[in-house]
Amino acid sequence: MTTLRDQRVTIVGGGMGGLASALVLRRQGAQVTLFEHAPAFGEVGAGIQLGPNATRILGEWGLLDEVIARGYRPENLVLKDAITGEVLTKQSLGREFVERYGAPYVVIHRSDLHAILLEAAEREGVELLVDSHVQGIDDDGDGVVVTLADGRTHRSDAVLAADGLASLTRDRIVGDAPVASGYVAYRGTLPETRGHGNDVVAWLGPRCHFVQYPIRRGEMLNMVAVFQSPAFLRGETEWGGVDELDAAYEACSPEVKEAVQHLWRDRRWPMFDREPATTWGDGRVTLIGDSAHPMLQYLAQGACQALEDAHSLDVLAARTPGDWPATFGALADLRQPRTARVQRTARVWGEIWHVDGVARVLRNELLEQRDVEDYRYLDWLYGRGVGEPAAQDAEDRRALLTEEAAR
């Protein structure tokens, strides 16, 4: 497909969303330049979960086999009570799950998924530039000029800002600020998984939770602890320090408390999101990925939604080649309701995970009563549309997306 062969596109940000967008536009023939502010490409963190809404897309792009080869396919999603250790509910990720949604559930190291997207973009001929600090974006109606910190300028027909939670472009288009959740994450990995099973397991506790699962073909154990910071509640500017970590899990089961000892203690990730934005773009400039819809991680959808953005961009750019205001307007119209729902649901799910007292008892009872074959709460997220399982093939999905965009 070469519908964009006379178009020049600039992408600001070399994370998952930026690379995925660069890949699909380059495959349509666009000349794509991607600016990354870091001195080298890479991802910081550890494991990432990819639901079938994301792996279907990776399969369509020809990347799923490599993702599975570098990642791991867990057997179940399991929720446990962090205090008692009892199983509350589980979801099988086996054959029925894969058949229903058209793709598997995969967990992978963030750096491995990033490398797969980076390598694919390189193979397609995307111009990838690091240590490039974008300071200004000016849309003059006929094109867009990007100005770098060193004074260089770069002109193109369109700009996609994939510069994440702290997006400077979002400051210009939306003018809002990140919202602190008061929760902080600590991560870690272990070089072996013996005795830890083949599942994604989340222990839900009062004002805290702990998640672990195998990655890298089952040869490494990924762990993440998330807890509410007392310092944040006191209004302090510095919060979530390592001095709060052990105390947050004092009431948890011995299994959880022991696992917390293996986390990295020299870094932490305070958790922020933003309010859903009703505006994503301005003329030939648009937000995409985390810059458009940063979300809390309770649904494991940050990267998944960025891949969905790129997939929708691919379809819409082919419908209106070269008319970037129309393409970007359609992208926001199509994607904003869904990403806003994911953002809001992630917040609610985080509250449910972290309740205490009577609310914890009621939550546990509801989860324990759940039928393990009940997909009602998954179809909207993993299926092809609200309440619908996945379309069976790529052409069905593209036809559905085009139909939805035309409404």
Foldseek 3Di string as FASTA:
>chain_A
DQLQQVFEEEEEAQALLRLLLLLLVLVNNYAYEYEAQAQDDFDDDWKFKAFLLQLQLCVVVVRNVVQPQFKAAFQKEWEAAFQPRHTLAIAGQDDVVCVQFVHGIIMATRRSSSVSSVVSSVVSPHHYHYNWAWDDWDCPPQWIWTATPVGDIDITRFYEYAPAQPTPVCCVWPVDHWDFPQKKKFKAKDQACPPPGRYWYWHFEAQKIKTWHAIRHRRMIIIMIMGGWPCVVVVHPDTDAPVCQLVRSVSGDPVVSVVSVRTDRPDMGGDIWDQQGLDADDQRYGYAQRSRGPADCQVSCRSSRSSVLSVLLSLLCSVPPSRRVVSRVLSSVQRRVVSNVVRVVSVVSVCQRNHDDPSVVVSSVVSNPDDNPDCQVPCCPSALHNRHHHDNHDVVSSVVSVVSSVD
